[in-house]
Amino acid sequence: MSEKQNERDVYIAIADPTRRKLLRLLADVEELPLHELTSQFQMGRTAVSKHLAILKEVGLVADRKVGRETRYRLNAAPLKEIKDWVSFYEKFWNDRIVLLKKLLEEEK
């Protein structure tokens, strides 16, 4: 994978609502076969497979073959990068809210 593709990684992967729904479905169970995932969408197996391939490429999903069936499971570890990034801004906004409350109290 090129450096440019590495930059897009988890952020681009979760930007799509279909992929976020796939992650949510996989978070509820140990693993699911492709046909069960596909049944949750109004799109074909190929389209769901393409979304899963993007999630797999960034490490959010792992798969394994069981006979003729492919089963998918969530690997949430790459989401920590996003959690850490959001945490920075959470602190930023919390600090601003504290400051705003202080200013409002001073105006009383």
PDB file of N, CA and C in Angstrom:
ATOM      1  N   MET A   1       0.844  -1.180   0.000  1.00  0.00           N
ATOM      2  CA  MET A   1       0.000   0.000   0.000  1.00  0.00           C
ATOM      3  C   MET A   1       0.887   1.241   0.000  1.00  0.00           C
ATOM      4  N   SER A   2       0.546   2.229  -0.804  1.00  0.00           N
ATOM      5  CA  SER A   2       1.347   3.440  -0.871  1.00  0.00           C
ATOM      6  C   SER A   2       1.114   4.304   0.361  1.00  0.00           C
ATOM      7  N   GLU A   3       2.005   5.287   0.556  1.00  0.00           N
ATOM      8  CA  GLU A   3       1.862   6.196   1.697  1.00  0.00           C
ATOM      9  C   GLU A   3       0.563   6.980   1.590  1.00  0.00           C
ATOM     10  N   LYS A   4       0.166   7.353   0.389  1.00  0.00           N
ATOM     11  CA  LYS A   4      -1.077   8.091   0.165  1.00  0.00           C
ATOM     12  C   LYS A   4      -2.271   7.259   0.639  1.00  0.00           C
ATOM     13  N   GLN A   5      -2.286   5.959   0.346  1.00  0.00           N
ATOM     14  CA  GLN A   5      -3.373   5.093   0.779  1.00  0.00           C
ATOM     15  C   GLN A   5      -3.373   4.937   2.296  1.00  0.00           C
ATOM     16  N   ASN A   6      -2.189   4.910   2.915  1.00  0.00           N
ATOM     17  CA  ASN A   6      -2.101   4.806   4.369  1.00  0.00           C
ATOM     18  C   ASN A   6      -2.738   6.012   5.053  1.00  0.00           C
ATOM     19  N   GLU A   7      -2.615   7.189   4.440  1.00  0.00           N
ATOM     20  CA  GLU A   7      -3.175   8.404   5.026  1.00  0.00           C
ATOM     21  C   GLU A   7      -4.693   8.333   5.118  1.00  0.00           C
ATOM     22  N   ARG A   8      -5.334   7.733   4.153  1.00  0.00           N
ATOM     23  CA  ARG A   8      -6.792   7.706   4.146  1.00  0.00           C
ATOM     24  C   ARG A   8      -7.346   6.718   5.154  1.00  0.00           C
ATOM     25  N   ASP A   9      -6.660   5.655   5.366  1.00  0.00           N
ATOM     26  CA  ASP A   9      -6.965   4.525   6.221  1.00  0.00           C
ATOM     27  C   ASP A   9      -8.303   4.548   6.944  1.00  0.00           C
ATOM     28  N   VAL A  10      -8.280   4.592   8.234  1.00  0.00           N
ATOM     29  CA  VAL A  10      -9.473   4.391   9.041  1.00  0.00           C
ATOM     30  C   VAL A  10     -10.492   5.516   8.832  1.00  0.00           C
ATOM     31  N   TYR A  11     -10.028   6.733   8.668  1.00  0.00           N
ATOM     32  CA  TYR A  11     -10.943   7.873   8.527  1.00  0.00           C
ATOM     33  C   TYR A  11     -11.815   7.738   7.285  1.00  0.00           C
ATOM     34  N   ILE A  12     -11.217   7.401   6.165  1.00  0.00           N
ATOM     35  CA  ILE A  12     -11.987   7.214   4.932  1.00  0.00           C
ATOM     36  C   ILE A  12     -12.880   5.984   5.055  1.00  0.00           C
ATOM     37  N   ALA A  13     -12.352   4.935   5.656  1.00  0.00           N
ATOM     38  CA  ALA A  13     -13.127   3.696   5.777  1.00  0.00           C
ATOM     39  C   ALA A  13     -14.418   3.909   6.556  1.00  0.00           C
ATOM     40  N   ILE A  14     -14.378   4.679   7.626  1.00  0.00           N
ATOM     41  CA  ILE A  14     -15.594   4.863   8.424  1.00  0.00           C
ATOM     42  C   ILE A  14     -16.446   6.044   7.953  1.00  0.00           C
ATOM     43  N   ALA A  15     -15.984   6.761   6.947  1.00  0.00           N
ATOM     44  CA  ALA A  15     -16.750   7.887   6.432  1.00  0.00           C
ATOM     45  C   ALA A  15     -18.031   7.440   5.736  1.00  0.00           C
ATOM     46  N   ASP A  16     -18.061   6.233   5.270  1.00  0.00           N
ATOM     47  CA  ASP A  16     -19.216   5.723   4.532  1.00  0.00           C
ATOM     48  C   ASP A  16     -20.239   5.093   5.488  1.00  0.00           C
ATOM     49  N   PRO A  17     -21.514   5.482   5.386  1.00  0.00           N
ATOM     50  CA  PRO A  17     -22.541   4.941   6.290  1.00  0.00           C
ATOM     51  C   PRO A  17     -22.724   3.425   6.178  1.00  0.00           C
ATOM     52  N   THR A  18     -22.533   2.878   5.001  1.00  0.00           N
ATOM     53  CA  THR A  18     -22.649   1.424   4.839  1.00  0.00           C
ATOM     54  C   THR A  18     -21.563   0.715   5.625  1.00  0.00           C
ATOM     55  N   ARG A  19     -20.359   1.240   5.555  1.00  0.00           N
ATOM     56  CA  ARG A  19     -19.257   0.609   6.296  1.00  0.00           C
ATOM     57  C   ARG A  19     -19.437   0.776   7.804  1.00  0.00           C
ATOM     58  N   ARG A  20     -19.974   1.918   8.235  1.00  0.00           N
ATOM     59  CA  ARG A  20     -20.253   2.086   9.669  1.00  0.00           C
ATOM     60  C   ARG A  20     -21.304   1.092  10.123  1.00  0.00           C
ATOM     61  N   LYS A  21     -22.307   0.840   9.285  1.00  0.00           N
ATOM     62  CA  LYS A  21     -23.325  -0.146   9.642  1.00  0.00           C
ATOM     63  C   LYS A  21     -22.725  -1.551   9.696  1.00  0.00           C
ATOM     64  N   LEU A  22     -21.852  -1.868   8.776  1.00  0.00           N
ATOM     65  CA  LEU A  22     -21.179  -3.174   8.808  1.00  0.00           C
ATOM     66  C   LEU A  22     -20.399  -3.345  10.113  1.00  0.00           C
ATOM     67  N   LEU A  23     -19.672  -2.310  10.516  1.00  0.00           N
ATOM     68  CA  LEU A  23     -18.927  -2.372  11.770  1.00  0.00           C
ATOM     69  C   LEU A  23     -19.863  -2.573  12.959  1.00  0.00           C
ATOM     70  N   ARG A  24     -20.989  -1.880  12.936  1.00  0.00           N
ATOM     71  CA  ARG A  24     -21.959  -2.006  14.026  1.00  0.00           C
ATOM     72  C   ARG A  24     -22.512  -3.426  14.091  1.00  0.00           C
ATOM     73  N   LEU A  25     -22.841  -3.993  12.949  1.00  0.00           N
ATOM     74  CA  LEU A  25     -23.345  -5.363  12.905  1.00  0.00           C
ATOM     75  C   LEU A  25     -22.309  -6.347  13.441  1.00  0.00           C
ATOM     76  N   LEU A  26     -21.062  -6.142  13.073  1.00  0.00           N
ATOM     77  CA  LEU A  26     -20.000  -7.043  13.511  1.00  0.00           C
ATOM     78  C   LEU A  26     -19.659  -6.844  14.989  1.00  0.00           C
ATOM     79  N   ALA A  27     -19.932  -5.676  15.523  1.00  0.00           N
ATOM     80  CA  ALA A  27     -19.655  -5.416  16.942  1.00  0.00           C
ATOM     81  C   ALA A  27     -20.590  -6.207  17.850  1.00  0.00           C
ATOM     82  N   ASP A  28     -21.738  -6.583  17.346  1.00  0.00           N
ATOM     83  CA  ASP A  28     -22.747  -7.286  18.142  1.00  0.00           C
ATOM     84  C   ASP A  28     -22.528  -8.789  18.239  1.00  0.00           C
ATOM     85  N   VAL A  29     -21.656  -9.323  17.402  1.00  0.00           N
ATOM     86  CA  VAL A  29     -21.455 -10.783  17.344  1.00  0.00           C
ATOM     87  C   VAL A  29     -19.968 -11.100  17.228  1.00  0.00           C
ATOM     88  N   GLU A  30     -19.643 -12.367  17.410  1.00  0.00           N
ATOM     89  CA  GLU A  30     -18.245 -12.780  17.253  1.00  0.00           C
ATOM     90  C   GLU A  30     -17.826 -12.701  15.790  1.00  0.00           C
ATOM     91  N   GLU A  31     -18.673 -13.217  14.903  1.00  0.00           N
ATOM     92  CA  GLU A  31     -18.413 -13.140  13.469  1.00  0.00           C
ATOM     93  C   GLU A  31     -19.707 -13.437  12.717  1.00  0.00           C
ATOM     94  N   LEU A  32     -19.743 -12.980  11.463  1.00  0.00           N
ATOM     95  CA  LEU A  32     -20.906 -13.215  10.609  1.00  0.00           C
ATOM     96  C   LEU A  32     -20.452 -13.606   9.206  1.00  0.00           C
ATOM     97  N   PRO A  33     -21.183 -14.516   8.575  1.00  0.00           N
ATOM     98  CA  PRO A  33     -20.874 -14.860   7.183  1.00  0.00           C
ATOM     99  C   PRO A  33     -21.376 -13.758   6.240  1.00  0.00           C
ATOM    100  N   LEU A  34     -20.788 -13.705   5.080  1.00  0.00           N
ATOM    101  CA  LEU A  34     -21.124 -12.681   4.099  1.00  0.00           C
ATOM    102  C   LEU A  34     -22.617 -12.661   3.781  1.00  0.00           C
ATOM    103  N   HIS A  35     -23.238 -13.808   3.625  1.00  0.00           N
ATOM    104  CA  HIS A  35     -24.660 -13.814   3.241  1.00  0.00           C
ATOM    105  C   HIS A  35     -25.536 -13.183   4.321  1.00  0.00           C
ATOM    106  N   GLU A  36     -25.171 -13.328   5.599  1.00  0.00           N
ATOM    107  CA  GLU A  36     -25.952 -12.699   6.669  1.00  0.00           C
ATOM    108  C   GLU A  36     -25.740 -11.190   6.692  1.00  0.00           C
ATOM    109  N   LEU A  37     -24.536 -10.758   6.415  1.00  0.00           N
ATOM    110  CA  LEU A  37     -24.274  -9.315   6.332  1.00  0.00           C
ATOM    111  C   LEU A  37     -25.027  -8.707   5.157  1.00  0.00           C
ATOM    112  N   THR A  38     -24.976  -9.388   4.014  1.00  0.00           N
ATOM    113  CA  THR A  38     -25.639  -8.888   2.811  1.00  0.00           C
ATOM    114  C   THR A  38     -27.142  -8.741   3.021  1.00  0.00           C
ATOM    115  N   SER A  39     -27.733  -9.625   3.803  1.00  0.00           N
ATOM    116  CA  SER A  39     -29.184  -9.567   4.026  1.00  0.00           C
ATOM    117  C   SER A  39     -29.612  -8.310   4.772  1.00  0.00           C
ATOM    118  N   GLN A  40     -28.679  -7.585   5.368  1.00  0.00           N
ATOM    119  CA  GLN A  40     -28.987  -6.370   6.121  1.00  0.00           C
ATOM    120  C   GLN A  40     -28.988  -5.108   5.250  1.00  0.00           C
ATOM    121  N   PHE A  41     -28.698  -5.281   3.960  1.00  0.00           N
ATOM    122  CA  PHE A  41     -28.573  -4.139   3.052  1.00  0.00           C
ATOM    123  C   PHE A  41     -29.421  -4.336   1.803  1.00  0.00           C
ATOM    124  N   GLN A  42     -29.770  -3.242   1.168  1.00  0.00           N
ATOM    125  CA  GLN A  42     -30.477  -3.301  -0.107  1.00  0.00           C
ATOM    126  C   GLN A  42     -29.458  -3.132  -1.230  1.00  0.00           C
ATOM    127  N   MET A  43     -28.484  -4.013  -1.232  1.00  0.00           N
ATOM    128  CA  MET A  43     -27.457  -4.036  -2.278  1.00  0.00           C
ATOM    129  C   MET A  43     -26.996  -5.473  -2.427  1.00  0.00           C
ATOM    130  N   GLY A  44     -26.320  -5.724  -3.498  1.00  0.00           N
ATOM    131  CA  GLY A  44     -25.875  -7.083  -3.770  1.00  0.00           C
ATOM    132  C   GLY A  44     -24.652  -7.497  -2.974  1.00  0.00           C
ATOM    133  N   ARG A  45     -24.390  -8.770  -3.058  1.00  0.00           N
ATOM    134  CA  ARG A  45     -23.252  -9.387  -2.367  1.00  0.00           C
ATOM    135  C   ARG A  45     -21.930  -8.749  -2.790  1.00  0.00           C
ATOM    136  N   THR A  46     -21.790  -8.435  -4.069  1.00  0.00           N
ATOM    137  CA  THR A  46     -20.562  -7.838  -4.581  1.00  0.00           C
ATOM    138  C   THR A  46     -20.315  -6.472  -3.951  1.00  0.00           C
ATOM    139  N   ALA A  47     -21.352  -5.662  -3.848  1.00  0.00           N
ATOM    140  CA  ALA A  47     -21.211  -4.327  -3.252  1.00  0.00           C
ATOM    141  C   ALA A  47     -20.821  -4.429  -1.777  1.00  0.00           C
ATOM    142  N   VAL A  48     -21.461  -5.325  -1.040  1.00  0.00           N
ATOM    143  CA  VAL A  48     -21.115  -5.514   0.374  1.00  0.00           C
ATOM    144  C   VAL A  48     -19.678  -6.009   0.489  1.00  0.00           C
ATOM    145  N   SER A  49     -19.293  -6.912  -0.389  1.00  0.00           N
ATOM    146  CA  SER A  49     -17.914  -7.426  -0.387  1.00  0.00           C
ATOM    147  C   SER A  49     -16.896  -6.321  -0.617  1.00  0.00           C
ATOM    148  N   LYS A  50     -17.219  -5.376  -1.488  1.00  0.00           N
ATOM    149  CA  LYS A  50     -16.305  -4.258  -1.745  1.00  0.00           C
ATOM    150  C   LYS A  50     -16.147  -3.393  -0.497  1.00  0.00           C
ATOM    151  N   HIS A  51     -17.246  -3.148   0.217  1.00  0.00           N
ATOM    152  CA  HIS A  51     -17.165  -2.377   1.467  1.00  0.00           C
ATOM    153  C   HIS A  51     -16.335  -3.139   2.508  1.00  0.00           C
ATOM    154  N   LEU A  52     -16.554  -4.431   2.599  1.00  0.00           N
ATOM    155  CA  LEU A  52     -15.787  -5.247   3.544  1.00  0.00           C
ATOM    156  C   LEU A  52     -14.302  -5.259   3.180  1.00  0.00           C
ATOM    157  N   ALA A  53     -13.990  -5.238   1.900  1.00  0.00           N
ATOM    158  CA  ALA A  53     -12.592  -5.224   1.460  1.00  0.00           C
ATOM    159  C   ALA A  53     -11.894  -3.944   1.915  1.00  0.00           C
ATOM    160  N   ILE A  54     -12.594  -2.827   1.864  1.00  0.00           N
ATOM    161  CA  ILE A  54     -12.020  -1.555   2.332  1.00  0.00           C
ATOM    162  C   ILE A  54     -11.779  -1.616   3.835  1.00  0.00           C
ATOM    163  N   LEU A  55     -12.756  -2.139   4.566  1.00  0.00           N
ATOM    164  CA  LEU A  55     -12.599  -2.276   6.017  1.00  0.00           C
ATOM    165  C   LEU A  55     -11.454  -3.233   6.357  1.00  0.00           C
ATOM    166  N   LYS A  56     -11.332  -4.286   5.573  1.00  0.00           N
ATOM    167  CA  LYS A  56     -10.249  -5.260   5.787  1.00  0.00           C
ATOM    168  C   LYS A  56      -8.898  -4.629   5.478  1.00  0.00           C
ATOM    169  N   GLU A  57      -8.833  -3.825   4.430  1.00  0.00           N
ATOM    170  CA  GLU A  57      -7.593  -3.172   4.013  1.00  0.00           C
ATOM    171  C   GLU A  57      -7.009  -2.297   5.133  1.00  0.00           C
ATOM    172  N   VAL A  58      -7.886  -1.656   5.912  1.00  0.00           N
ATOM    173  CA  VAL A  58      -7.404  -0.777   6.993  1.00  0.00           C
ATOM    174  C   VAL A  58      -7.334  -1.495   8.340  1.00  0.00           C
ATOM    175  N   GLY A  59      -7.661  -2.788   8.331  1.00  0.00           N
ATOM    176  CA  GLY A  59      -7.517  -3.588   9.536  1.00  0.00           C
ATOM    177  C   GLY A  59      -8.700  -3.587  10.481  1.00  0.00           C
ATOM    178  N   LEU A  60      -9.823  -3.009  10.068  1.00  0.00           N
ATOM    179  CA  LEU A  60     -11.007  -2.973  10.930  1.00  0.00           C
ATOM    180  C   LEU A  60     -11.791  -4.278  10.911  1.00  0.00           C
ATOM    181  N   VAL A  61     -11.575  -5.079   9.874  1.00  0.00           N
ATOM    182  CA  VAL A  61     -12.289  -6.339   9.714  1.00  0.00           C
ATOM    183  C   VAL A  61     -11.280  -7.425   9.354  1.00  0.00           C
ATOM    184  N   ALA A  62     -11.498  -8.586   9.927  1.00  0.00           N
ATOM    185  CA  ALA A  62     -10.709  -9.769   9.568  1.00  0.00           C
ATOM    186  C   ALA A  62     -11.674 -10.806   9.011  1.00  0.00           C
ATOM    187  N   ASP A  63     -11.170 -11.678   8.179  1.00  0.00           N
ATOM    188  CA  ASP A  63     -12.040 -12.719   7.635  1.00  0.00           C
ATOM    189  C   ASP A  63     -11.354 -14.071   7.716  1.00  0.00           C
ATOM    190  N   ARG A  64     -12.168 -15.113   7.603  1.00  0.00           N
ATOM    191  CA  ARG A  64     -11.635 -16.473   7.547  1.00  0.00           C
ATOM    192  C   ARG A  64     -12.610 -17.314   6.742  1.00  0.00           C
ATOM    193  N   LYS A  65     -12.045 -18.291   6.059  1.00  0.00           N
ATOM    194  CA  LYS A  65     -12.850 -19.216   5.261  1.00  0.00           C
ATOM    195  C   LYS A  65     -13.277 -20.382   6.132  1.00  0.00           C
ATOM    196  N   VAL A  66     -14.546 -20.720   6.037  1.00  0.00           N
ATOM    197  CA  VAL A  66     -15.088 -21.912   6.684  1.00  0.00           C
ATOM    198  C   VAL A  66     -15.826 -22.652   5.577  1.00  0.00           C
ATOM    199  N   GLY A  67     -15.171 -23.635   5.009  1.00  0.00           N
ATOM    200  CA  GLY A  67     -15.726 -24.313   3.840  1.00  0.00           C
ATOM    201  C   GLY A  67     -15.778 -23.340   2.673  1.00  0.00           C
ATOM    202  N   ARG A  68     -16.959 -23.194   2.094  1.00  0.00           N
ATOM    203  CA  ARG A  68     -17.146 -22.275   0.964  1.00  0.00           C
ATOM    204  C   ARG A  68     -17.556 -20.883   1.425  1.00  0.00           C
ATOM    205  N   GLU A  69     -17.701 -20.717   2.717  1.00  0.00           N
ATOM    206  CA  GLU A  69     -18.227 -19.483   3.291  1.00  0.00           C
ATOM    207  C   GLU A  69     -17.093 -18.614   3.857  1.00  0.00           C
ATOM    208  N   THR A  70     -17.226 -17.308   3.695  1.00  0.00           N
ATOM    209  CA  THR A  70     -16.290 -16.368   4.320  1.00  0.00           C
ATOM    210  C   THR A  70     -16.998 -15.714   5.490  1.00  0.00           C
ATOM    211  N   ARG A  71     -16.356 -15.753   6.648  1.00  0.00           N
ATOM    212  CA  ARG A  71     -16.907 -15.140   7.860  1.00  0.00           C
ATOM    213  C   ARG A  71     -16.059 -13.931   8.227  1.00  0.00           C
ATOM    214  N   TYR A  72     -16.740 -12.887   8.694  1.00  0.00           N
ATOM    215  CA  TYR A  72     -16.072 -11.635   9.030  1.00  0.00           C
ATOM    216  C   TYR A  72     -16.236 -11.336  10.507  1.00  0.00           C
ATOM    217  N   ARG A  73     -15.202 -10.688  11.080  1.00  0.00           N
ATOM    218  CA  ARG A  73     -15.268 -10.266  12.474  1.00  0.00           C
ATOM    219  C   ARG A  73     -14.619  -8.886  12.596  1.00  0.00           C
ATOM    220  N   LEU A  74     -15.032  -8.169  13.613  1.00  0.00           N
ATOM    221  CA  LEU A  74     -14.538  -6.825  13.868  1.00  0.00           C
ATOM    222  C   LEU A  74     -13.179  -6.867  14.563  1.00  0.00           C
ATOM    223  N   ASN A  75     -12.308  -5.974  14.158  1.00  0.00           N
ATOM    224  CA  ASN A  75     -11.067  -5.696  14.886  1.00  0.00           C
ATOM    225  C   ASN A  75     -11.113  -4.200  15.186  1.00  0.00           C
ATOM    226  N   ALA A  76     -11.526  -3.835  16.389  1.00  0.00           N
ATOM    227  CA  ALA A  76     -11.751  -2.432  16.731  1.00  0.00           C
ATOM    228  C   ALA A  76     -10.470  -1.663  17.042  1.00  0.00           C
ATOM    229  N   ALA A  77      -9.339  -2.328  17.153  1.00  0.00           N
ATOM    230  CA  ALA A  77      -8.090  -1.656  17.537  1.00  0.00           C
ATOM    231  C   ALA A  77      -7.766  -0.418  16.688  1.00  0.00           C
ATOM    232  N   PRO A  78      -7.929  -0.448  15.361  1.00  0.00           N
ATOM    233  CA  PRO A  78      -7.620   0.750  14.572  1.00  0.00           C
ATOM    234  C   PRO A  78      -8.515   1.956  14.893  1.00  0.00           C
ATOM    235  N   LEU A  79      -9.654   1.728  15.533  1.00  0.00           N
ATOM    236  CA  LEU A  79     -10.530   2.844  15.893  1.00  0.00           C
ATOM    237  C   LEU A  79      -9.939   3.690  17.013  1.00  0.00           C
ATOM    238  N   LYS A  80      -8.927   3.172  17.711  1.00  0.00           N
ATOM    239  CA  LYS A  80      -8.295   3.939  18.782  1.00  0.00           C
ATOM    240  C   LYS A  80      -7.692   5.226  18.241  1.00  0.00           C
ATOM    241  N   GLU A  81      -7.171   5.192  17.031  1.00  0.00           N
ATOM    242  CA  GLU A  81      -6.607   6.398  16.412  1.00  0.00           C
ATOM    243  C   GLU A  81      -7.670   7.497  16.335  1.00  0.00           C
ATOM    244  N   ILE A  82      -8.877   7.120  15.953  1.00  0.00           N
ATOM    245  CA  ILE A  82      -9.961   8.092  15.847  1.00  0.00           C
ATOM    246  C   ILE A  82     -10.385   8.560  17.236  1.00  0.00           C
ATOM    247  N   LYS A  83     -10.466   7.636  18.166  1.00  0.00           N
ATOM    248  CA  LYS A  83     -10.823   7.988  19.549  1.00  0.00           C
ATOM    249  C   LYS A  83      -9.833   9.008  20.103  1.00  0.00           C
ATOM    250  N   ASP A  84      -8.547   8.773  19.879  1.00  0.00           N
ATOM    251  CA  ASP A  84      -7.522   9.693  20.368  1.00  0.00           C
ATOM    252  C   ASP A  84      -7.655  11.065  19.720  1.00  0.00           C
ATOM    253  N   TRP A  85      -7.935  11.088  18.436  1.00  0.00           N
ATOM    254  CA  TRP A  85      -8.081  12.348  17.715  1.00  0.00           C
ATOM    255  C   TRP A  85      -9.295  13.120  18.237  1.00  0.00           C
ATOM    256  N   VAL A  86     -10.410  12.428  18.415  1.00  0.00           N
ATOM    257  CA  VAL A  86     -11.629  13.069  18.914  1.00  0.00           C
ATOM    258  C   VAL A  86     -11.437  13.529  20.360  1.00  0.00           C
ATOM    259  N   SER A  87     -10.710  12.754  21.139  1.00  0.00           N
ATOM    260  CA  SER A  87     -10.461  13.115  22.542  1.00  0.00           C
ATOM    261  C   SER A  87      -9.787  14.473  22.667  1.00  0.00           C
ATOM    262  N   PHE A  88      -8.870  14.779  21.759  1.00  0.00           N
ATOM    263  CA  PHE A  88      -8.216  16.083  21.776  1.00  0.00           C
ATOM    264  C   PHE A  88      -9.256  17.193  21.652  1.00  0.00           C
ATOM    265  N   TYR A  89     -10.177  17.045  20.726  1.00  0.00           N
ATOM    266  CA  TYR A  89     -11.179  18.082  20.500  1.00  0.00           C
ATOM    267  C   TYR A  89     -12.235  18.101  21.600  1.00  0.00           C
ATOM    268  N   GLU A  90     -12.473  16.957  22.200  1.00  0.00           N
ATOM    269  CA  GLU A  90     -13.378  16.912  23.335  1.00  0.00           C
ATOM    270  C   GLU A  90     -12.817  17.784  24.465  1.00  0.00           C
ATOM    271  N   LYS A  91     -11.526  17.663  24.735  1.00  0.00           N
ATOM    272  CA  LYS A  91     -10.889  18.492  25.754  1.00  0.00           C
ATOM    273  C   LYS A  91     -10.972  19.959  25.345  1.00  0.00           C
ATOM    274  N   PHE A  92     -10.721  20.260  24.094  1.00  0.00           N
ATOM    275  CA  PHE A  92     -10.802  21.627  23.583  1.00  0.00           C
ATOM    276  C   PHE A  92     -12.171  22.226  23.878  1.00  0.00           C
ATOM    277  N   TRP A  93     -13.245  21.497  23.526  1.00  0.00           N
ATOM    278  CA  TRP A  93     -14.587  22.027  23.736  1.00  0.00           C
ATOM    279  C   TRP A  93     -14.978  22.069  25.202  1.00  0.00           C
ATOM    280  N   ASN A  94     -14.537  21.095  25.984  1.00  0.00           N
ATOM    281  CA  ASN A  94     -14.806  21.135  27.421  1.00  0.00           C
ATOM    282  C   ASN A  94     -14.165  22.359  28.056  1.00  0.00           C
ATOM    283  N   ASP A  95     -12.941  22.666  27.671  1.00  0.00           N
ATOM    284  CA  ASP A  95     -12.271  23.866  28.178  1.00  0.00           C
ATOM    285  C   ASP A  95     -13.033  25.123  27.794  1.00  0.00           C
ATOM    286  N   ARG A  96     -13.544  25.167  26.565  1.00  0.00           N
ATOM    287  CA  ARG A  96     -14.309  26.340  26.106  1.00  0.00           C
ATOM    288  C   ARG A  96     -15.619  26.474  26.880  1.00  0.00           C
ATOM    289  N   ILE A  97     -16.252  25.374  27.177  1.00  0.00           N
ATOM    290  CA  ILE A  97     -17.514  25.411  27.930  1.00  0.00           C
ATOM    291  C   ILE A  97     -17.272  25.902  29.350  1.00  0.00           C
ATOM    292  N   VAL A  98     -16.204  25.452  29.959  1.00  0.00           N
ATOM    293  CA  VAL A  98     -15.860  25.930  31.305  1.00  0.00           C
ATOM    294  C   VAL A  98     -15.622  27.434  31.272  1.00  0.00           C
ATOM    295  N   LEU A  99     -14.891  27.898  30.289  1.00  0.00           N
ATOM    296  CA  LEU A  99     -14.630  29.329  30.147  1.00  0.00           C
ATOM    297  C   LEU A  99     -15.929  30.103  29.928  1.00  0.00           C
ATOM    298  N   LEU A 100     -16.809  29.592  29.087  1.00  0.00           N
ATOM    299  CA  LEU A 100     -18.086  30.246  28.832  1.00  0.00           C
ATOM    300  C   LEU A 100     -18.922  30.335  30.110  1.00  0.00           C
ATOM    301  N   LYS A 101     -18.987  29.256  30.869  1.00  0.00           N
ATOM    302  CA  LYS A 101     -19.728  29.261  32.131  1.00  0.00           C
ATOM    303  C   LYS A 101     -19.162  30.308  33.087  1.00  0.00           C
ATOM    304  N   LYS A 102     -17.844  30.381  33.137  1.00  0.00           N
ATOM    305  CA  LYS A 102     -17.192  31.351  34.012  1.00  0.00           C
ATOM    306  C   LYS A 102     -17.562  32.779  33.595  1.00  0.00           C
ATOM    307  N   LEU A 103     -17.511  33.041  32.300  1.00  0.00           N
ATOM    308  CA  LEU A 103     -17.871  34.381  31.789  1.00  0.00           C
ATOM    309  C   LEU A 103     -19.332  34.717  32.085  1.00  0.00           C
ATOM    310  N   LEU A 104     -20.214  33.744  31.908  1.00  0.00           N
ATOM    311  CA  LEU A 104     -21.634  33.978  32.174  1.00  0.00           C
ATOM    312  C   LEU A 104     -21.879  34.244  33.655  1.00  0.00           C
ATOM    313  N   GLU A 105     -21.185  33.543  34.519  1.00  0.00           N
ATOM    314  CA  GLU A 105     -21.335  33.767  35.961  1.00  0.00           C
ATOM    315  C   GLU A 105     -20.822  35.143  36.345  1.00  0.00           C
ATOM    316  N   GLU A 106     -19.749  35.600  35.704  1.00  0.00           N
ATOM    317  CA  GLU A 106     -19.198  36.918  35.995  1.00  0.00           C
ATOM    318  C   GLU A 106     -20.155  38.022  35.564  1.00  0.00           C
ATOM    319  N   GLU A 107     -20.943  37.791  34.512  1.00  0.00           N
ATOM    320  CA  GLU A 107     -21.894  38.780  34.024  1.00  0.00           C
ATOM    321  C   GLU A 107     -23.100  38.943  34.945  1.00  0.00           C
ATOM    322  N   LYS A 108     -23.386  37.936  35.746  1.00  0.00           N
ATOM    323  CA  LYS A 108     -24.545  38.013  36.641  1.00  0.00           C
ATOM    324  C   LYS A 108     -24.350  39.024  37.676  1.00  0.00           C
TER     325      LYS A 108
END
